Amino acid sequence: MADRDFRSLSMRWLEASLPARYSYNFTWMGRPIIQYPQDIVALQELIWRIKPDVIVETGIAHGGSLVFSASMLELLGGEGQVIGVDIDIRAHNRAALDEHPMRKRIELIEGSAVAPEIVREVHDRVGGRSPVLVILDSNHTHDHVLAELTAYSDLVRKGSYLVVLDTVVEYLPEDAFPDRPWGPGNSPGSAVSAFLATNRRFEVDAELEDRVAITTAPGGYLRCIRD
């Protein structure tokens, strides 16, 4: 799937899908997930392979991604938990999650994912549990994502992953998100580049990216290669 023409076609298709709000078409166990199906498949592969004790997710929105992760942990069995962090957990979304059968595996934290007290709380809740999978999908500006990478990368040990979604912003036209503060040069993609320039514990899983082809996270599936 690494053929350059095929990858270029995939990127053009993804760009064309943005005005149609394609990622808003899907739900997981009744909650809007706001992800592309290919990334959902990639994440289930990682969860099944890693068998994490804890999944940390920044960015909750309607909670579909939390429910997805929790449902995967339910299939694995054991006591695995998902910790979801968002600066604003809307009351109706919290209420829907509170009523969901996967709520037993979900812990919610309201606050900025990069605020020192929130970072400490996440670390405290993780405790000594391992392995930990981290998925970053909140504010997509360079500074925010780089701060998240710095704050949570130490939770991930060799063999697990740090997944940064929406790195694709770096490769889209500057006017792709006219109502947002992020764009090329100020994106999750630029933050990942800066992070990898100084952190040698992680590498891009190009093989996974090549297989899914259509992804919002090009260069964002980061495999931990050393403790």
C-alpha atoms as a PDB file:
ATOM      1  CA  MET A   1       0.000   0.000   0.000  1.00  0.00           C
ATOM      2  CA  ALA A   2       3.052   2.263  -0.017  1.00  0.00           C
ATOM      3  CA  ASP A   3       2.672   3.120  -3.723  1.00  0.00           C
ATOM      4  CA  ARG A   4       3.168   6.882  -4.087  1.00  0.00           C
ATOM      5  CA  ASP A   5       0.349   7.381  -6.598  1.00  0.00           C
ATOM      6  CA  PHE A   6      -2.075   5.475  -4.396  1.00  0.00           C
ATOM      7  CA  ARG A   7      -1.087   7.517  -1.348  1.00  0.00           C
ATOM      8  CA  SER A   8      -1.497  10.735  -3.309  1.00  0.00           C
ATOM      9  CA  LEU A   9      -4.956   9.638  -4.429  1.00  0.00           C
ATOM     10  CA  SER A  10      -5.856   8.790  -0.836  1.00  0.00           C
ATOM     11  CA  MET A  11      -4.797  12.240   0.336  1.00  0.00           C
ATOM     12  CA  ARG A  12      -6.811  13.920  -2.416  1.00  0.00           C
ATOM     13  CA  TRP A  13      -9.854  11.875  -1.424  1.00  0.00           C
ATOM     14  CA  LEU A  14      -9.430  12.828   2.230  1.00  0.00           C
ATOM     15  CA  GLU A  15      -9.143  16.508   1.317  1.00  0.00           C
ATOM     16  CA  ALA A  16     -12.296  16.255  -0.803  1.00  0.00           C
ATOM     17  CA  SER A  17     -14.139  14.590   2.096  1.00  0.00           C
ATOM     18  CA  LEU A  18     -13.639  17.524   4.474  1.00  0.00           C
ATOM     19  CA  PRO A  19     -16.392  19.832   3.133  1.00  0.00           C
ATOM     20  CA  ALA A  20     -18.804  16.895   3.341  1.00  0.00           C
ATOM     21  CA  ARG A  21     -17.912  16.435   7.041  1.00  0.00           C
ATOM     22  CA  TYR A  22     -17.364  12.777   6.280  1.00  0.00           C
ATOM     23  CA  SER A  23     -15.989  11.926   9.723  1.00  0.00           C
ATOM     24  CA  TYR A  24     -19.313  12.950  11.282  1.00  0.00           C
ATOM     25  CA  ASN A  25     -21.153  10.101   9.533  1.00  0.00           C
ATOM     26  CA  PHE A  26     -20.357   7.422  12.092  1.00  0.00           C
ATOM     27  CA  THR A  27     -21.259   6.283  15.588  1.00  0.00           C
ATOM     28  CA  TRP A  28     -19.817   3.661  17.906  1.00  0.00           C
ATOM     29  CA  MET A  29     -22.319   1.912  20.144  1.00  0.00           C
ATOM     30  CA  GLY A  30     -24.673   4.839  19.746  1.00  0.00           C
ATOM     31  CA  ARG A  31     -22.246   7.744  20.303  1.00  0.00           C
ATOM     32  CA  PRO A  32     -20.840   9.956  17.489  1.00  0.00           C
ATOM     33  CA  ILE A  33     -17.189   8.988  17.054  1.00  0.00           C
ATOM     34  CA  ILE A  34     -15.995  11.674  14.555  1.00  0.00           C
ATOM     35  CA  GLN A  35     -13.217   9.509  13.126  1.00  0.00           C
ATOM     36  CA  TYR A  36     -12.444   7.994   9.748  1.00  0.00           C
ATOM     37  CA  PRO A  37     -13.168   4.244   9.604  1.00  0.00           C
ATOM     38  CA  GLN A  38      -9.576   3.474   8.634  1.00  0.00           C
ATOM     39  CA  ASP A  39      -8.252   5.067  11.822  1.00  0.00           C
ATOM     40  CA  ILE A  40     -10.838   3.184  13.875  1.00  0.00           C
ATOM     41  CA  VAL A  41      -9.561  -0.067  12.356  1.00  0.00           C
ATOM     42  CA  ALA A  42      -5.938   0.927  13.006  1.00  0.00           C
ATOM     43  CA  LEU A  43      -6.697   1.757  16.648  1.00  0.00           C
ATOM     44  CA  GLN A  44      -8.468  -1.548  17.246  1.00  0.00           C
ATOM     45  CA  GLU A  45      -5.406  -3.347  15.883  1.00  0.00           C
ATOM     46  CA  LEU A  46      -3.197  -1.460  18.326  1.00  0.00           C
ATOM     47  CA  ILE A  47      -5.489  -2.048  21.309  1.00  0.00           C
ATOM     48  CA  TRP A  48      -5.755  -5.761  20.561  1.00  0.00           C
ATOM     49  CA  ARG A  49      -1.996  -6.034  20.120  1.00  0.00           C
ATOM     50  CA  ILE A  50      -0.951  -3.921  23.116  1.00  0.00           C
ATOM     51  CA  LYS A  51      -3.702  -5.032  25.516  1.00  0.00           C
ATOM     52  CA  PRO A  52      -3.356  -1.819  27.519  1.00  0.00           C
ATOM     53  CA  ASP A  53      -4.309  -1.554  31.175  1.00  0.00           C
ATOM     54  CA  VAL A  54      -5.067   2.124  30.570  1.00  0.00           C
ATOM     55  CA  ILE A  55      -5.927   4.200  27.505  1.00  0.00           C
ATOM     56  CA  VAL A  56      -5.493   7.954  27.961  1.00  0.00           C
ATOM     57  CA  GLU A  57      -7.422  10.108  25.492  1.00  0.00           C
ATOM     58  CA  THR A  58      -7.355  13.885  25.242  1.00  0.00           C
ATOM     59  CA  GLY A  59     -10.404  15.354  23.519  1.00  0.00           C
ATOM     60  CA  ILE A  60     -13.809  13.834  24.250  1.00  0.00           C
ATOM     61  CA  ALA A  61     -16.404  15.629  22.060  1.00  0.00           C
ATOM     62  CA  HIS A  62     -19.485  13.344  22.041  1.00  0.00           C
ATOM     63  CA  GLY A  63     -17.607  10.459  23.621  1.00  0.00           C
ATOM     64  CA  GLY A  64     -17.643   7.996  20.735  1.00  0.00           C
ATOM     65  CA  SER A  65     -13.899   7.452  20.817  1.00  0.00           C
ATOM     66  CA  LEU A  66     -14.001   6.798  24.565  1.00  0.00           C
ATOM     67  CA  VAL A  67     -16.799   4.286  24.075  1.00  0.00           C
ATOM     68  CA  PHE A  68     -14.849   2.635  21.257  1.00  0.00           C
ATOM     69  CA  SER A  69     -11.745   2.252  23.430  1.00  0.00           C
ATOM     70  CA  ALA A  70     -13.807   1.049  26.382  1.00  0.00           C
ATOM     71  CA  SER A  71     -15.585  -1.533  24.220  1.00  0.00           C
ATOM     72  CA  MET A  72     -12.253  -2.886  23.017  1.00  0.00           C
ATOM     73  CA  LEU A  73     -11.072  -3.187  26.618  1.00  0.00           C
ATOM     74  CA  GLU A  74     -14.345  -4.957  27.447  1.00  0.00           C
ATOM     75  CA  LEU A  75     -13.595  -7.520  24.727  1.00  0.00           C
ATOM     76  CA  LEU A  76     -10.117  -8.017  26.148  1.00  0.00           C
ATOM     77  CA  GLY A  77     -11.498  -8.647  29.626  1.00  0.00           C
ATOM     78  CA  GLY A  78      -9.640  -7.651  32.762  1.00  0.00           C
ATOM     79  CA  GLU A  79      -9.859  -4.299  34.515  1.00  0.00           C
ATOM     80  CA  GLY A  80      -8.728  -1.952  31.727  1.00  0.00           C
ATOM     81  CA  GLN A  81      -9.866   1.662  31.969  1.00  0.00           C
ATOM     82  CA  VAL A  82     -10.082   4.672  29.651  1.00  0.00           C
ATOM     83  CA  ILE A  83      -9.198   8.104  31.026  1.00  0.00           C
ATOM     84  CA  GLY A  84     -10.767  10.884  28.959  1.00  0.00           C
ATOM     85  CA  VAL A  85      -9.688  14.518  29.307  1.00  0.00           C
ATOM     86  CA  ASP A  86     -11.447  17.534  27.837  1.00  0.00           C
ATOM     87  CA  ILE A  87     -11.461  21.226  28.684  1.00  0.00           C
ATOM     88  CA  ASP A  88     -15.257  21.303  28.330  1.00  0.00           C
ATOM     89  CA  ILE A  89     -17.358  18.193  28.837  1.00  0.00           C
ATOM     90  CA  ARG A  90     -20.806  19.313  27.748  1.00  0.00           C
ATOM     91  CA  ALA A  91     -23.597  18.373  30.129  1.00  0.00           C
ATOM     92  CA  HIS A  92     -25.586  16.437  27.508  1.00  0.00           C
ATOM     93  CA  ASN A  93     -22.517  14.459  26.479  1.00  0.00           C
ATOM     94  CA  ARG A  94     -21.662  13.630  30.085  1.00  0.00           C
ATOM     95  CA  ALA A  95     -25.254  12.553  30.681  1.00  0.00           C
ATOM     96  CA  ALA A  96     -25.202  10.278  27.618  1.00  0.00           C
ATOM     97  CA  LEU A  97     -21.922   8.716  28.731  1.00  0.00           C
ATOM     98  CA  ASP A  98     -23.231   8.257  32.277  1.00  0.00           C
ATOM     99  CA  GLU A  99     -26.065   6.164  30.851  1.00  0.00           C
ATOM    100  CA  HIS A 100     -23.868   4.128  28.526  1.00  0.00           C
ATOM    101  CA  PRO A 101     -23.054   0.487  29.350  1.00  0.00           C
ATOM    102  CA  MET A 102     -19.351   1.182  28.756  1.00  0.00           C
ATOM    103  CA  ARG A 103     -19.309   3.919  31.415  1.00  0.00           C
ATOM    104  CA  LYS A 104     -17.938   1.424  33.940  1.00  0.00           C
ATOM    105  CA  ARG A 105     -14.617   1.513  32.066  1.00  0.00           C
ATOM    106  CA  ILE A 106     -14.482   5.281  31.513  1.00  0.00           C
ATOM    107  CA  GLU A 107     -13.052   7.954  33.808  1.00  0.00           C
ATOM    108  CA  LEU A 108     -13.733  11.592  32.899  1.00  0.00           C
ATOM    109  CA  ILE A 109     -11.510  14.562  33.764  1.00  0.00           C
ATOM    110  CA  GLU A 110     -12.594  18.085  32.881  1.00  0.00           C
ATOM    111  CA  GLY A 111      -9.831  20.628  32.317  1.00  0.00           C
ATOM    112  CA  SER A 112      -7.053  21.524  29.921  1.00  0.00           C
ATOM    113  CA  ALA A 113      -4.967  18.476  29.078  1.00  0.00           C
ATOM    114  CA  VAL A 114      -1.795  20.550  29.455  1.00  0.00           C
ATOM    115  CA  ALA A 115      -2.656  22.238  32.771  1.00  0.00           C
ATOM    116  CA  PRO A 116      -0.152  21.021  35.405  1.00  0.00           C
ATOM    117  CA  GLU A 117      -2.873  19.914  37.810  1.00  0.00           C
ATOM    118  CA  ILE A 118      -4.631  17.896  35.081  1.00  0.00           C
ATOM    119  CA  VAL A 119      -1.366  16.288  33.977  1.00  0.00           C
ATOM    120  CA  ARG A 120      -0.711  15.291  37.597  1.00  0.00           C
ATOM    121  CA  GLU A 121      -4.228  13.899  37.977  1.00  0.00           C
ATOM    122  CA  VAL A 122      -3.888  11.770  34.858  1.00  0.00           C
ATOM    123  CA  HIS A 123      -0.546  10.417  36.055  1.00  0.00           C
ATOM    124  CA  ASP A 124      -1.988   9.737  39.505  1.00  0.00           C
ATOM    125  CA  ARG A 125      -4.938   7.848  38.038  1.00  0.00           C
ATOM    126  CA  VAL A 126      -2.682   5.777  35.810  1.00  0.00           C
ATOM    127  CA  GLY A 127      -0.525   4.990  38.820  1.00  0.00           C
ATOM    128  CA  GLY A 128       1.793   2.085  38.171  1.00  0.00           C
ATOM    129  CA  ARG A 129      -0.464   0.403  35.625  1.00  0.00           C
ATOM    130  CA  SER A 130       1.062  -0.638  32.310  1.00  0.00           C
ATOM    131  CA  PRO A 131       0.940  -0.845  29.356  1.00  0.00           C
ATOM    132  CA  VAL A 132      -0.576   2.547  28.608  1.00  0.00           C
ATOM    133  CA  LEU A 133      -1.802   3.703  25.192  1.00  0.00           C
ATOM    134  CA  VAL A 134      -2.075   7.488  24.703  1.00  0.00           C
ATOM    135  CA  ILE A 135      -4.288   9.069  22.017  1.00  0.00           C
ATOM    136  CA  LEU A 136      -4.108  12.843  21.496  1.00  0.00           C
ATOM    137  CA  ASP A 137      -7.082  14.514  19.802  1.00  0.00           C
ATOM    138  CA  SER A 138      -7.886  17.834  21.480  1.00  0.00           C
ATOM    139  CA  ASN A 139      -6.665  21.346  20.582  1.00  0.00           C
ATOM    140  CA  HIS A 140      -4.699  20.937  17.336  1.00  0.00           C
ATOM    141  CA  THR A 141      -2.296  23.894  17.591  1.00  0.00           C
ATOM    142  CA  HIS A 142       1.442  23.199  17.531  1.00  0.00           C
ATOM    143  CA  ASP A 143       2.128  24.464  21.048  1.00  0.00           C
ATOM    144  CA  HIS A 144      -0.766  22.582  22.630  1.00  0.00           C
ATOM    145  CA  VAL A 145       0.011  19.244  20.970  1.00  0.00           C
ATOM    146  CA  LEU A 146       3.729  19.567  21.711  1.00  0.00           C
ATOM    147  CA  ALA A 147       2.877  20.245  25.358  1.00  0.00           C
ATOM    148  CA  GLU A 148       0.633  17.150  25.405  1.00  0.00           C
ATOM    149  CA  LEU A 149       3.403  15.057  23.865  1.00  0.00           C
ATOM    150  CA  THR A 150       5.818  16.271  26.510  1.00  0.00           C
ATOM    151  CA  ALA A 151       3.308  15.732  29.322  1.00  0.00           C
ATOM    152  CA  TYR A 152       2.133  12.207  28.495  1.00  0.00           C
ATOM    153  CA  SER A 153       4.868  10.460  26.498  1.00  0.00           C
ATOM    154  CA  ASP A 154       6.474   9.186  29.704  1.00  0.00           C
ATOM    155  CA  LEU A 155       3.373   7.049  30.351  1.00  0.00           C
ATOM    156  CA  VAL A 156       4.099   5.001  27.231  1.00  0.00           C
ATOM    157  CA  ARG A 157       6.631   2.205  27.503  1.00  0.00           C
ATOM    158  CA  LYS A 158       8.402   0.076  24.901  1.00  0.00           C
ATOM    159  CA  GLY A 159       5.967  -1.722  22.613  1.00  0.00           C
ATOM    160  CA  SER A 160       3.050   0.622  23.183  1.00  0.00           C
ATOM    161  CA  TYR A 161       2.007   3.678  21.170  1.00  0.00           C
ATOM    162  CA  LEU A 162       1.477   7.408  21.357  1.00  0.00           C
ATOM    163  CA  VAL A 163      -1.100   8.269  18.691  1.00  0.00           C
ATOM    164  CA  VAL A 164      -1.464  11.861  17.481  1.00  0.00           C
ATOM    165  CA  LEU A 165      -4.597  12.353  15.396  1.00  0.00           C
ATOM    166  CA  ASP A 166      -5.162  15.109  12.819  1.00  0.00           C
ATOM    167  CA  THR A 167      -1.507  15.417  11.854  1.00  0.00           C
ATOM    168  CA  VAL A 168      -3.002  15.620   8.357  1.00  0.00           C
ATOM    169  CA  VAL A 169      -3.659  19.330   9.014  1.00  0.00           C
ATOM    170  CA  GLU A 170       0.018  19.893   8.194  1.00  0.00           C
ATOM    171  CA  TYR A 171      -0.511  18.624   4.633  1.00  0.00           C
ATOM    172  CA  LEU A 172      -3.807  20.314   3.791  1.00  0.00           C
ATOM    173  CA  PRO A 173      -4.335  23.743   2.172  1.00  0.00           C
ATOM    174  CA  GLU A 174      -4.010  26.718   4.501  1.00  0.00           C
ATOM    175  CA  ASP A 175      -7.705  27.525   4.112  1.00  0.00           C
ATOM    176  CA  ALA A 176      -8.907  24.009   4.972  1.00  0.00           C
ATOM    177  CA  PHE A 177      -9.939  25.113   8.484  1.00  0.00           C
ATOM    178  CA  PRO A 178     -10.821  28.823   8.142  1.00  0.00           C
ATOM    179  CA  ASP A 179     -12.612  28.960  11.508  1.00  0.00           C
ATOM    180  CA  ARG A 180      -9.814  27.282  13.479  1.00  0.00           C
ATOM    181  CA  PRO A 181      -6.488  28.593  14.809  1.00  0.00           C
ATOM    182  CA  TRP A 182      -4.471  25.703  13.362  1.00  0.00           C
ATOM    183  CA  GLY A 183      -3.074  25.069   9.901  1.00  0.00           C
ATOM    184  CA  PRO A 184       0.164  24.085   8.145  1.00  0.00           C
ATOM    185  CA  GLY A 185       3.122  25.008  10.361  1.00  0.00           C
ATOM    186  CA  ASN A 186       0.859  25.226  13.402  1.00  0.00           C
ATOM    187  CA  SER A 187      -0.580  21.747  13.657  1.00  0.00           C
ATOM    188  CA  PRO A 188      -0.299  18.324  15.272  1.00  0.00           C
ATOM    189  CA  GLY A 189       1.984  17.371  12.390  1.00  0.00           C
ATOM    190  CA  SER A 190       4.447  20.184  13.071  1.00  0.00           C
ATOM    191  CA  ALA A 191       4.322  19.312  16.793  1.00  0.00           C
ATOM    192  CA  VAL A 192       5.171  15.659  16.087  1.00  0.00           C
ATOM    193  CA  SER A 193       8.148  16.736  13.968  1.00  0.00           C
ATOM    194  CA  ALA A 194       9.443  18.932  16.788  1.00  0.00           C
ATOM    195  CA  PHE A 195       8.868  16.173  19.349  1.00  0.00           C
ATOM    196  CA  LEU A 196      10.674  13.484  17.349  1.00  0.00           C
ATOM    197  CA  ALA A 197      13.613  15.808  16.769  1.00  0.00           C
ATOM    198  CA  THR A 198      14.473  15.601  20.464  1.00  0.00           C
ATOM    199  CA  ASN A 199      12.829  12.389  21.716  1.00  0.00           C
ATOM    200  CA  ARG A 200      14.488   9.158  20.594  1.00  0.00           C
ATOM    201  CA  ARG A 201      12.064   6.844  22.383  1.00  0.00           C
ATOM    202  CA  PHE A 202       9.534   6.930  19.547  1.00  0.00           C
ATOM    203  CA  GLU A 203       9.420   6.261  15.821  1.00  0.00           C
ATOM    204  CA  VAL A 204       6.688   6.552  13.208  1.00  0.00           C
ATOM    205  CA  ASP A 205       4.982   3.250  12.414  1.00  0.00           C
ATOM    206  CA  ALA A 206       5.056   3.707   8.646  1.00  0.00           C
ATOM    207  CA  GLU A 207       3.883   0.142   7.993  1.00  0.00           C
ATOM    208  CA  LEU A 208       0.575   0.693   9.802  1.00  0.00           C
ATOM    209  CA  GLU A 209       0.082   4.027   8.048  1.00  0.00           C
ATOM    210  CA  ASP A 210       0.788   2.471   4.641  1.00  0.00           C
ATOM    211  CA  ARG A 211      -1.787  -0.242   5.211  1.00  0.00           C
ATOM    212  CA  VAL A 212      -4.652   2.060   6.205  1.00  0.00           C
ATOM    213  CA  ALA A 213      -3.668   4.590   3.476  1.00  0.00           C
ATOM    214  CA  ILE A 214      -6.533   6.983   4.271  1.00  0.00           C
ATOM    215  CA  THR A 215      -5.785   8.447   7.699  1.00  0.00           C
ATOM    216  CA  THR A 216      -6.055  11.695   9.605  1.00  0.00           C
ATOM    217  CA  ALA A 217      -2.799  10.748  11.333  1.00  0.00           C
ATOM    218  CA  PRO A 218       0.002  10.553   8.727  1.00  0.00           C
ATOM    219  CA  GLY A 219       3.209  10.315  10.721  1.00  0.00           C
ATOM    220  CA  GLY A 220       1.121  10.256  13.894  1.00  0.00           C
ATOM    221  CA  TYR A 221       1.208   6.580  14.875  1.00  0.00           C
ATOM    222  CA  LEU A 222       4.253   6.715  17.141  1.00  0.00           C
ATOM    223  CA  ARG A 223       5.648   3.426  18.405  1.00  0.00           C
ATOM    224  CA  CYS A 224       7.729   3.432  21.580  1.00  0.00           C
ATOM    225  CA  ILE A 225      10.979   1.615  20.818  1.00  0.00           C
ATOM    226  CA  ARG A 226      12.817   2.017  24.134  1.00  0.00           C
ATOM    227  CA  ASP A 227      11.958   2.542  27.772  1.00  0.00           C
END
